[in-house]
Structure formats: structure tokens, C-alpha cells
Amino acid sequence: MEQPVDQFFSLSDFAEVVRITPVTGNRYTVEAILIEERRVEEIGQVGIEVADPEAIVATAKLRSAATGDVLTADRGVFEVRDVLPDGTGITRLKLRKR
């Protein structure tokens, strides 16, 4: 069951307006919280730091979201690589920097 989540996406707190350009359809804007976690992947005996960006959005605000859509924010342009709704009214968009 989806819960009211709009209060988490206040532009005066953590959220920012991003533009989503779907593979098919018209672009639109939505409030999102962008996170760019870093993790270390080990290749042999070498650790390489990689970014793992994602956008957290209110599911009800997404007109559509699919792999290959483009998300544009102040931080740059990203491609959606996975869409993960959690069933509580929040969807995580796993991103790849373009």
C-alpha cells in the first residue's frame, strides 16, 4: 500500500527538479533526491572506486520510467538502467552517467 510521500521531496530540503526524457513519449519534470554512492570493486588485487548514482522519486509523480530513459539534473545527464518501485510509494531509478 502506497503511503503519502510528498513531504520527503521538498525542494527546500533534499529534492531537486529533474527532467525525464522517456525513450518514447514526452519529457516531463519531477522532484527527485539524487544520491551518488561510491563503492569499491576489486579486480584482482586492485580496488577501483565506481559511482553508483540513483534518483529517488515519488512513484505517483512518475508518468513513466523505463530502462533507457534519460534523466537530466544540475549534476549532469544520466541514463536510467533500472527502475525499482518499492511498494511504499517510492521508486528508485538506478542511473548511469552519460
C-alpha atoms as a PDB file:
ATOM      1  CA  MET A   1       0.000   0.000   0.000  1.00  0.00           C
ATOM      2  CA  GLU A   2       1.428   3.355  -1.040  1.00  0.00           C
ATOM      3  CA  GLN A   3       1.894   5.973   1.669  1.00  0.00           C
ATOM      4  CA  PRO A   4       1.844   9.786   1.231  1.00  0.00           C
ATOM      5  CA  VAL A   5       5.471  10.620   0.497  1.00  0.00           C
ATOM      6  CA  ASP A   6       5.340  14.153  -0.897  1.00  0.00           C
ATOM      7  CA  GLN A   7       6.812  15.666   2.275  1.00  0.00           C
ATOM      8  CA  PHE A   8      10.084  13.837   1.585  1.00  0.00           C
ATOM      9  CA  PHE A   9      10.517  15.622  -1.737  1.00  0.00           C
ATOM     10  CA  SER A  10      10.560  19.229  -0.532  1.00  0.00           C
ATOM     11  CA  LEU A  11      12.686  21.390  -2.821  1.00  0.00           C
ATOM     12  CA  SER A  12      13.816  23.379   0.212  1.00  0.00           C
ATOM     13  CA  ASP A  13      15.316  20.253   1.780  1.00  0.00           C
ATOM     14  CA  PHE A  14      16.813  17.426  -0.276  1.00  0.00           C
ATOM     15  CA  ALA A  15      14.973  17.260  -3.574  1.00  0.00           C
ATOM     16  CA  GLU A  16      15.675  18.996  -6.850  1.00  0.00           C
ATOM     17  CA  VAL A  17      13.740  19.263 -10.078  1.00  0.00           C
ATOM     18  CA  VAL A  18      14.979  16.882 -12.763  1.00  0.00           C
ATOM     19  CA  ARG A  19      13.819  16.362 -16.332  1.00  0.00           C
ATOM     20  CA  ILE A  20      12.992  12.879 -17.557  1.00  0.00           C
ATOM     21  CA  THR A  21      13.028  12.204 -21.292  1.00  0.00           C
ATOM     22  CA  PRO A  22      11.387   8.841 -21.949  1.00  0.00           C
ATOM     23  CA  VAL A  23      12.545   6.576 -24.760  1.00  0.00           C
ATOM     24  CA  THR A  24       9.019   7.057 -26.115  1.00  0.00           C
ATOM     25  CA  GLY A  25       6.746   9.920 -25.147  1.00  0.00           C
ATOM     26  CA  ASN A  26       7.161  13.492 -23.993  1.00  0.00           C
ATOM     27  CA  ARG A  27       9.675  14.759 -21.462  1.00  0.00           C
ATOM     28  CA  TYR A  28       8.478  15.975 -18.092  1.00  0.00           C
ATOM     29  CA  THR A  29       9.853  17.248 -14.802  1.00  0.00           C
ATOM     30  CA  VAL A  30       9.655  15.639 -11.378  1.00  0.00           C
ATOM     31  CA  GLU A  31      11.120  16.258  -7.930  1.00  0.00           C
ATOM     32  CA  ALA A  32      13.832  13.751  -7.074  1.00  0.00           C
ATOM     33  CA  ILE A  33      16.516  13.125  -4.489  1.00  0.00           C
ATOM     34  CA  LEU A  34      19.784  12.329  -6.242  1.00  0.00           C
ATOM     35  CA  ILE A  35      22.290  10.106  -4.496  1.00  0.00           C
ATOM     36  CA  GLU A  36      25.705   9.183  -5.808  1.00  0.00           C
ATOM     37  CA  GLU A  37      27.100   6.475  -3.607  1.00  0.00           C
ATOM     38  CA  ARG A  38      30.590   5.241  -4.250  1.00  0.00           C
ATOM     39  CA  ARG A  39      31.777   1.701  -3.821  1.00  0.00           C
ATOM     40  CA  VAL A  40      34.983  -0.190  -4.457  1.00  0.00           C
ATOM     41  CA  GLU A  41      35.033  -3.070  -6.904  1.00  0.00           C
ATOM     42  CA  GLU A  42      38.002  -5.343  -6.673  1.00  0.00           C
ATOM     43  CA  ILE A  43      39.584  -6.568  -9.870  1.00  0.00           C
ATOM     44  CA  GLY A  44      42.281  -8.992  -8.906  1.00  0.00           C
ATOM     45  CA  GLN A  45      44.272  -7.207  -6.211  1.00  0.00           C
ATOM     46  CA  VAL A  46      43.278  -3.726  -7.361  1.00  0.00           C
ATOM     47  CA  GLY A  47      40.309  -1.823  -5.949  1.00  0.00           C
ATOM     48  CA  ILE A  48      38.569   0.578  -8.311  1.00  0.00           C
ATOM     49  CA  GLU A  49      36.143   3.177  -6.990  1.00  0.00           C
ATOM     50  CA  VAL A  50      32.921   3.365  -9.006  1.00  0.00           C
ATOM     51  CA  ALA A  51      29.940   5.689  -8.733  1.00  0.00           C
ATOM     52  CA  ASP A  52      26.514   4.169  -8.268  1.00  0.00           C
ATOM     53  CA  PRO A  53      24.098   7.078  -8.879  1.00  0.00           C
ATOM     54  CA  GLU A  54      20.364   6.830  -8.342  1.00  0.00           C
ATOM     55  CA  ALA A  55      17.327   9.069  -8.183  1.00  0.00           C
ATOM     56  CA  ILE A  56      14.620   8.553  -5.595  1.00  0.00           C
ATOM     57  CA  VAL A  57      11.172   9.745  -6.709  1.00  0.00           C
ATOM     58  CA  ALA A  58       7.563   9.532  -5.582  1.00  0.00           C
ATOM     59  CA  THR A  59       6.019   6.733  -7.645  1.00  0.00           C
ATOM     60  CA  ALA A  60       2.799   8.714  -8.156  1.00  0.00           C
ATOM     61  CA  LYS A  61       4.764  11.540  -9.818  1.00  0.00           C
ATOM     62  CA  LEU A  62       6.334   9.303 -12.470  1.00  0.00           C
ATOM     63  CA  ARG A  63       4.402   9.370 -15.722  1.00  0.00           C
ATOM     64  CA  SER A  64       6.547   6.544 -16.917  1.00  0.00           C
ATOM     65  CA  ALA A  65      10.023   5.243 -16.263  1.00  0.00           C
ATOM     66  CA  ALA A  66      11.914   2.624 -18.202  1.00  0.00           C
ATOM     67  CA  THR A  67      15.402   1.439 -18.943  1.00  0.00           C
ATOM     68  CA  GLY A  68      16.989   3.792 -21.465  1.00  0.00           C
ATOM     69  CA  ASP A  69      15.124   6.936 -20.379  1.00  0.00           C
ATOM     70  CA  VAL A  70      17.317   9.999 -19.859  1.00  0.00           C
ATOM     71  CA  LEU A  71      17.344  11.982 -16.609  1.00  0.00           C
ATOM     72  CA  THR A  72      18.826  15.495 -16.710  1.00  0.00           C
ATOM     73  CA  ALA A  73      19.791  17.292 -13.496  1.00  0.00           C
ATOM     74  CA  ASP A  74      22.125  20.099 -12.454  1.00  0.00           C
ATOM     75  CA  ARG A  75      24.785  17.431 -11.807  1.00  0.00           C
ATOM     76  CA  GLY A  76      24.673  16.074 -15.330  1.00  0.00           C
ATOM     77  CA  VAL A  77      22.891  13.749 -17.697  1.00  0.00           C
ATOM     78  CA  PHE A  78      22.152  10.151 -16.741  1.00  0.00           C
ATOM     79  CA  GLU A  79      20.617   7.109 -18.406  1.00  0.00           C
ATOM     80  CA  VAL A  80      18.122   5.014 -16.445  1.00  0.00           C
ATOM     81  CA  ARG A  81      19.472   1.476 -16.174  1.00  0.00           C
ATOM     82  CA  ASP A  82      16.859   0.039 -13.795  1.00  0.00           C
ATOM     83  CA  VAL A  83      13.508   1.040 -12.265  1.00  0.00           C
ATOM     84  CA  LEU A  84      12.825  -0.283  -8.755  1.00  0.00           C
ATOM     85  CA  PRO A  85       9.453   0.593  -7.175  1.00  0.00           C
ATOM     86  CA  ASP A  86       9.421  -0.478  -3.515  1.00  0.00           C
ATOM     87  CA  GLY A  87       5.653  -0.743  -2.989  1.00  0.00           C
ATOM     88  CA  THR A  88       5.553   2.100  -0.436  1.00  0.00           C
ATOM     89  CA  GLY A  89       5.190   4.988  -2.890  1.00  0.00           C
ATOM     90  CA  ILE A  90       8.892   5.381  -3.631  1.00  0.00           C
ATOM     91  CA  THR A  91      10.714   4.363  -6.819  1.00  0.00           C
ATOM     92  CA  ARG A  92      14.491   4.181  -7.147  1.00  0.00           C
ATOM     93  CA  LEU A  93      15.892   4.885 -10.591  1.00  0.00           C
ATOM     94  CA  LYS A  94      19.321   3.307 -10.911  1.00  0.00           C
ATOM     95  CA  LEU A  95      21.352   5.560 -13.180  1.00  0.00           C
ATOM     96  CA  ARG A  96      24.464   5.567 -15.361  1.00  0.00           C
ATOM     97  CA  LYS A  97      26.324   8.823 -16.075  1.00  0.00           C
ATOM     98  CA  ARG A  98      26.306   9.708 -19.784  1.00  0.00           C
END
